[in-house]
Amino acid sequence: MEENLSYDTAYKELEQIYLDINNEQVSIDELATKVKRASVLINFCQQKLKNTEEEINGILGGM
């Protein structure tokens, strides 16, 4: 995963992949590549959300 990838950037790319696939703008030759990229982005977003939740819980726990 890219070092400078943000949650917002990953989410926007996921949205675009979804729209492209939904609108049938992805050729069958590109489909597997797009789905693999979406999987990587989903995992990144899930990890980012988990880390943020843990950080917030730590902050709130220290109050």
PDB file of N, CA and C in Angstrom:
ATOM      1  N   MET A   1       0.855  -1.178   0.000  1.00  0.00           N
ATOM      2  CA  MET A   1       0.000   0.000   0.000  1.00  0.00           C
ATOM      3  C   MET A   1       0.897   1.236   0.000  1.00  0.00           C
ATOM      4  N   GLU A   2       0.482   2.234  -0.713  1.00  0.00           N
ATOM      5  CA  GLU A   2       1.268   3.450  -0.813  1.00  0.00           C
ATOM      6  C   GLU A   2       1.418   4.111   0.560  1.00  0.00           C
ATOM      7  N   GLU A   3       2.589   4.653   0.799  1.00  0.00           N
ATOM      8  CA  GLU A   3       2.886   5.296   2.084  1.00  0.00           C
ATOM      9  C   GLU A   3       1.996   6.509   2.332  1.00  0.00           C
ATOM     10  N   ASN A   4       1.677   7.266   1.308  1.00  0.00           N
ATOM     11  CA  ASN A   4       0.954   8.526   1.488  1.00  0.00           C
ATOM     12  C   ASN A   4      -0.545   8.398   1.217  1.00  0.00           C
ATOM     13  N   LEU A   5      -1.058   7.183   1.161  1.00  0.00           N
ATOM     14  CA  LEU A   5      -2.479   6.980   0.909  1.00  0.00           C
ATOM     15  C   LEU A   5      -3.278   7.364   2.150  1.00  0.00           C
ATOM     16  N   SER A   6      -4.288   8.182   1.944  1.00  0.00           N
ATOM     17  CA  SER A   6      -5.156   8.565   3.054  1.00  0.00           C
ATOM     18  C   SER A   6      -6.463   7.789   2.955  1.00  0.00           C
ATOM     19  N   TYR A   7      -7.211   7.795   4.042  1.00  0.00           N
ATOM     20  CA  TYR A   7      -8.514   7.130   4.055  1.00  0.00           C
ATOM     21  C   TYR A   7      -9.421   7.737   2.987  1.00  0.00           C
ATOM     22  N   ASP A   8      -9.460   9.055   2.921  1.00  0.00           N
ATOM     23  CA  ASP A   8     -10.333   9.730   1.953  1.00  0.00           C
ATOM     24  C   ASP A   8      -9.976   9.371   0.511  1.00  0.00           C
ATOM     25  N   THR A   9      -8.686   9.325   0.218  1.00  0.00           N
ATOM     26  CA  THR A   9      -8.247   8.976  -1.126  1.00  0.00           C
ATOM     27  C   THR A   9      -8.616   7.535  -1.460  1.00  0.00           C
ATOM     28  N   ALA A  10      -8.391   6.632  -0.517  1.00  0.00           N
ATOM     29  CA  ALA A  10      -8.730   5.223  -0.725  1.00  0.00           C
ATOM     30  C   ALA A  10     -10.227   5.052  -0.917  1.00  0.00           C
ATOM     31  N   TYR A  11     -11.011   5.744  -0.109  1.00  0.00           N
ATOM     32  CA  TYR A  11     -12.466   5.648  -0.199  1.00  0.00           C
ATOM     33  C   TYR A  11     -12.972   6.164  -1.545  1.00  0.00           C
ATOM     34  N   LYS A  12     -12.413   7.281  -2.000  1.00  0.00           N
ATOM     35  CA  LYS A  12     -12.821   7.842  -3.288  1.00  0.00           C
ATOM     36  C   LYS A  12     -12.466   6.896  -4.437  1.00  0.00           C
ATOM     37  N   GLU A  13     -11.301   6.274  -4.343  1.00  0.00           N
ATOM     38  CA  GLU A  13     -10.919   5.317  -5.374  1.00  0.00           C
ATOM     39  C   GLU A  13     -11.855   4.107  -5.365  1.00  0.00           C
ATOM     40  N   LEU A  14     -12.227   3.662  -4.176  1.00  0.00           N
ATOM     41  CA  LEU A  14     -13.190   2.559  -4.067  1.00  0.00           C
ATOM     42  C   LEU A  14     -14.526   2.935  -4.695  1.00  0.00           C
ATOM     43  N   GLU A  15     -14.989   4.130  -4.409  1.00  0.00           N
ATOM     44  CA  GLU A  15     -16.241   4.596  -5.007  1.00  0.00           C
ATOM     45  C   GLU A  15     -16.163   4.586  -6.528  1.00  0.00           C
ATOM     46  N   GLN A  16     -15.034   5.036  -7.065  1.00  0.00           N
ATOM     47  CA  GLN A  16     -14.871   5.082  -8.513  1.00  0.00           C
ATOM     48  C   GLN A  16     -14.847   3.682  -9.112  1.00  0.00           C
ATOM     49  N   ILE A  17     -14.165   2.760  -8.456  1.00  0.00           N
ATOM     50  CA  ILE A  17     -14.147   1.375  -8.927  1.00  0.00           C
ATOM     51  C   ILE A  17     -15.563   0.817  -8.930  1.00  0.00           C
ATOM     52  N   TYR A  18     -16.297   1.069  -7.865  1.00  0.00           N
ATOM     53  CA  TYR A  18     -17.675   0.597  -7.767  1.00  0.00           C
ATOM     54  C   TYR A  18     -18.532   1.155  -8.906  1.00  0.00           C
ATOM     55  N   LEU A  19     -18.417   2.459  -9.134  1.00  0.00           N
ATOM     56  CA  LEU A  19     -19.203   3.091 -10.198  1.00  0.00           C
ATOM     57  C   LEU A  19     -18.830   2.536 -11.571  1.00  0.00           C
ATOM     58  N   ASP A  20     -17.536   2.376 -11.806  1.00  0.00           N
ATOM     59  CA  ASP A  20     -17.080   1.853 -13.091  1.00  0.00           C
ATOM     60  C   ASP A  20     -17.620   0.448 -13.344  1.00  0.00           C
ATOM     61  N   ILE A  21     -17.560  -0.391 -12.315  1.00  0.00           N
ATOM     62  CA  ILE A  21     -18.049  -1.761 -12.465  1.00  0.00           C
ATOM     63  C   ILE A  21     -19.566  -1.759 -12.625  1.00  0.00           C
ATOM     64  N   ASN A  22     -20.238  -0.976 -11.810  1.00  0.00           N
ATOM     65  CA  ASN A  22     -21.700  -0.903 -11.862  1.00  0.00           C
ATOM     66  C   ASN A  22     -22.214  -0.383 -13.197  1.00  0.00           C
ATOM     67  N   ASN A  23     -21.493   0.558 -13.783  1.00  0.00           N
ATOM     68  CA  ASN A  23     -21.891   1.149 -15.062  1.00  0.00           C
ATOM     69  C   ASN A  23     -21.320   0.380 -16.247  1.00  0.00           C
ATOM     70  N   GLU A  24     -20.742  -0.774 -15.952  1.00  0.00           N
ATOM     71  CA  GLU A  24     -20.170  -1.645 -16.984  1.00  0.00           C
ATOM     72  C   GLU A  24     -19.110  -0.934 -17.810  1.00  0.00           C
ATOM     73  N   GLN A  25     -18.315  -0.107 -17.146  1.00  0.00           N
ATOM     74  CA  GLN A  25     -17.236   0.617 -17.818  1.00  0.00           C
ATOM     75  C   GLN A  25     -15.897  -0.098 -17.670  1.00  0.00           C
ATOM     76  N   VAL A  26     -15.913  -1.296 -17.093  1.00  0.00           N
ATOM     77  CA  VAL A  26     -14.698  -2.069 -16.897  1.00  0.00           C
ATOM     78  C   VAL A  26     -14.775  -3.288 -17.810  1.00  0.00           C
ATOM     79  N   SER A  27     -13.756  -3.432 -18.631  1.00  0.00           N
ATOM     80  CA  SER A  27     -13.746  -4.588 -19.524  1.00  0.00           C
ATOM     81  C   SER A  27     -13.471  -5.850 -18.714  1.00  0.00           C
ATOM     82  N   ILE A  28     -13.825  -6.957 -19.261  1.00  0.00           N
ATOM     83  CA  ILE A  28     -13.598  -8.232 -18.599  1.00  0.00           C
ATOM     84  C   ILE A  28     -12.106  -8.447 -18.337  1.00  0.00           C
ATOM     85  N   ASP A  29     -11.273  -7.878 -19.190  1.00  0.00           N
ATOM     86  CA  ASP A  29      -9.823  -7.999 -19.023  1.00  0.00           C
ATOM     87  C   ASP A  29      -9.322  -7.220 -17.809  1.00  0.00           C
ATOM     88  N   GLU A  30     -10.012  -6.160 -17.447  1.00  0.00           N
ATOM     89  CA  GLU A  30      -9.606  -5.318 -16.310  1.00  0.00           C
ATOM     90  C   GLU A  30     -10.306  -5.700 -15.007  1.00  0.00           C
ATOM     91  N   LEU A  31     -11.361  -6.478 -15.103  1.00  0.00           N
ATOM     92  CA  LEU A  31     -12.216  -6.729 -13.947  1.00  0.00           C
ATOM     93  C   LEU A  31     -11.462  -7.330 -12.765  1.00  0.00           C
ATOM     94  N   ALA A  32     -10.673  -8.361 -12.987  1.00  0.00           N
ATOM     95  CA  ALA A  32      -9.939  -9.000 -11.886  1.00  0.00           C
ATOM     96  C   ALA A  32      -8.975  -8.017 -11.232  1.00  0.00           C
ATOM     97  N   THR A  33      -8.311  -7.201 -12.036  1.00  0.00           N
ATOM     98  CA  THR A  33      -7.375  -6.206 -11.497  1.00  0.00           C
ATOM     99  C   THR A  33      -8.109  -5.190 -10.632  1.00  0.00           C
ATOM    100  N   LYS A  34      -9.267  -4.729 -11.105  1.00  0.00           N
ATOM    101  CA  LYS A  34     -10.058  -3.757 -10.337  1.00  0.00           C
ATOM    102  C   LYS A  34     -10.547  -4.364  -9.024  1.00  0.00           C
ATOM    103  N   VAL A  35     -10.992  -5.604  -9.061  1.00  0.00           N
ATOM    104  CA  VAL A  35     -11.490  -6.267  -7.848  1.00  0.00           C
ATOM    105  C   VAL A  35     -10.343  -6.475  -6.850  1.00  0.00           C
ATOM    106  N   LYS A  36      -9.168  -6.835  -7.339  1.00  0.00           N
ATOM    107  CA  LYS A  36      -8.003  -6.992  -6.450  1.00  0.00           C
ATOM    108  C   LYS A  36      -7.646  -5.658  -5.800  1.00  0.00           C
ATOM    109  N   ARG A  37      -7.653  -4.593  -6.584  1.00  0.00           N
ATOM    110  CA  ARG A  37      -7.345  -3.253  -6.046  1.00  0.00           C
ATOM    111  C   ARG A  37      -8.386  -2.854  -5.004  1.00  0.00           C
ATOM    112  N   ALA A  38      -9.646  -3.135  -5.293  1.00  0.00           N
ATOM    113  CA  ALA A  38     -10.710  -2.823  -4.336  1.00  0.00           C
ATOM    114  C   ALA A  38     -10.489  -3.580  -3.037  1.00  0.00           C
ATOM    115  N   SER A  39     -10.070  -4.822  -3.119  1.00  0.00           N
ATOM    116  CA  SER A  39      -9.811  -5.617  -1.921  1.00  0.00           C
ATOM    117  C   SER A  39      -8.701  -4.993  -1.069  1.00  0.00           C
ATOM    118  N   VAL A  40      -7.641  -4.552  -1.725  1.00  0.00           N
ATOM    119  CA  VAL A  40      -6.535  -3.891  -1.012  1.00  0.00           C
ATOM    120  C   VAL A  40      -7.029  -2.606  -0.348  1.00  0.00           C
ATOM    121  N   LEU A  41      -7.812  -1.830  -1.059  1.00  0.00           N
ATOM    122  CA  LEU A  41      -8.329  -0.572  -0.517  1.00  0.00           C
ATOM    123  C   LEU A  41      -9.290  -0.803   0.640  1.00  0.00           C
ATOM    124  N   ILE A  42     -10.123  -1.818   0.539  1.00  0.00           N
ATOM    125  CA  ILE A  42     -11.049  -2.148   1.631  1.00  0.00           C
ATOM    126  C   ILE A  42     -10.273  -2.535   2.878  1.00  0.00           C
ATOM    127  N   ASN A  43      -9.260  -3.364   2.714  1.00  0.00           N
ATOM    128  CA  ASN A  43      -8.442  -3.758   3.870  1.00  0.00           C
ATOM    129  C   ASN A  43      -7.752  -2.554   4.496  1.00  0.00           C
ATOM    130  N   PHE A  44      -7.244  -1.651   3.660  1.00  0.00           N
ATOM    131  CA  PHE A  44      -6.602  -0.437   4.157  1.00  0.00           C
ATOM    132  C   PHE A  44      -7.589   0.397   4.972  1.00  0.00           C
ATOM    133  N   CYS A  45      -8.792   0.607   4.419  1.00  0.00           N
ATOM    134  CA  CYS A  45      -9.801   1.425   5.103  1.00  0.00           C
ATOM    135  C   CYS A  45     -10.238   0.782   6.415  1.00  0.00           C
ATOM    136  N   GLN A  46     -10.422  -0.525   6.409  1.00  0.00           N
ATOM    137  CA  GLN A  46     -10.821  -1.209   7.636  1.00  0.00           C
ATOM    138  C   GLN A  46      -9.748  -1.056   8.718  1.00  0.00           C
ATOM    139  N   GLN A  47      -8.488  -1.205   8.336  1.00  0.00           N
ATOM    140  CA  GLN A  47      -7.403  -1.069   9.303  1.00  0.00           C
ATOM    141  C   GLN A  47      -7.310   0.360   9.823  1.00  0.00           C
ATOM    142  N   LYS A  48      -7.486   1.317   8.932  1.00  0.00           N
ATOM    143  CA  LYS A  48      -7.439   2.732   9.331  1.00  0.00           C
ATOM    144  C   LYS A  48      -8.556   3.046  10.328  1.00  0.00           C
ATOM    145  N   LEU A  49      -9.760   2.539  10.067  1.00  0.00           N
ATOM    146  CA  LEU A  49     -10.881   2.746  10.984  1.00  0.00           C
ATOM    147  C   LEU A  49     -10.618   2.085  12.338  1.00  0.00           C
ATOM    148  N   LYS A  50     -10.083   0.882  12.311  1.00  0.00           N
ATOM    149  CA  LYS A  50      -9.776   0.170  13.560  1.00  0.00           C
ATOM    150  C   LYS A  50      -8.731   0.930  14.372  1.00  0.00           C
ATOM    151  N   ASN A  51      -7.678   1.393  13.708  1.00  0.00           N
ATOM    152  CA  ASN A  51      -6.630   2.144  14.405  1.00  0.00           C
ATOM    153  C   ASN A  51      -7.162   3.443  14.990  1.00  0.00           C
ATOM    154  N   THR A  52      -8.009   4.130  14.240  1.00  0.00           N
ATOM    155  CA  THR A  52      -8.589   5.380  14.726  1.00  0.00           C
ATOM    156  C   THR A  52      -9.488   5.126  15.927  1.00  0.00           C
ATOM    157  N   GLU A  53     -10.295   4.069  15.863  1.00  0.00           N
ATOM    158  CA  GLU A  53     -11.166   3.719  16.987  1.00  0.00           C
ATOM    159  C   GLU A  53     -10.341   3.422  18.239  1.00  0.00           C
ATOM    160  N   GLU A  54      -9.260   2.663  18.084  1.00  0.00           N
ATOM    161  CA  GLU A  54      -8.396   2.346  19.232  1.00  0.00           C
ATOM    162  C   GLU A  54      -7.756   3.601  19.802  1.00  0.00           C
ATOM    163  N   GLU A  55      -7.323   4.503  18.931  1.00  0.00           N
ATOM    164  CA  GLU A  55      -6.707   5.751  19.377  1.00  0.00           C
ATOM    165  C   GLU A  55      -7.714   6.615  20.142  1.00  0.00           C
ATOM    166  N   ILE A  56      -8.915   6.721  19.621  1.00  0.00           N
ATOM    167  CA  ILE A  56      -9.957   7.525  20.293  1.00  0.00           C
ATOM    168  C   ILE A  56     -10.324   6.907  21.635  1.00  0.00           C
ATOM    169  N   ASN A  57     -10.463   5.583  21.672  1.00  0.00           N
ATOM    170  CA  ASN A  57     -10.774   4.919  22.941  1.00  0.00           C
ATOM    171  C   ASN A  57      -9.666   5.142  23.960  1.00  0.00           C
ATOM    172  N   GLY A  58      -8.418   5.146  23.499  1.00  0.00           N
ATOM    173  CA  GLY A  58      -7.299   5.424  24.394  1.00  0.00           C
ATOM    174  C   GLY A  58      -7.334   6.841  24.948  1.00  0.00           C
ATOM    175  N   ILE A  59      -7.679   7.777  24.096  1.00  0.00           N
ATOM    176  CA  ILE A  59      -7.776   9.173  24.525  1.00  0.00           C
ATOM    177  C   ILE A  59      -8.914   9.324  25.531  1.00  0.00           C
ATOM    178  N   LEU A  60     -10.063   8.769  25.207  1.00  0.00           N
ATOM    179  CA  LEU A  60     -11.214   8.881  26.099  1.00  0.00           C
ATOM    180  C   LEU A  60     -10.988   8.135  27.417  1.00  0.00           C
ATOM    181  N   GLY A  61     -10.256   7.039  27.329  1.00  0.00           N
ATOM    182  CA  GLY A  61      -9.954   6.280  28.542  1.00  0.00           C
ATOM    183  C   GLY A  61      -9.029   7.040  29.498  1.00  0.00           C
ATOM    184  N   GLY A  62      -8.224   7.938  28.925  1.00  0.00           N
ATOM    185  CA  GLY A  62      -7.297   8.720  29.736  1.00  0.00           C
ATOM    186  C   GLY A  62      -7.900   9.983  30.312  1.00  0.00           C
ATOM    187  N   MET A  63      -9.168  10.214  30.027  1.00  0.00           N
ATOM    188  CA  MET A  63      -9.816  11.448  30.511  1.00  0.00           C
ATOM    189  C   MET A  63     -10.373  11.235  31.891  1.00  0.00           C
TER     190      MET A  63
END
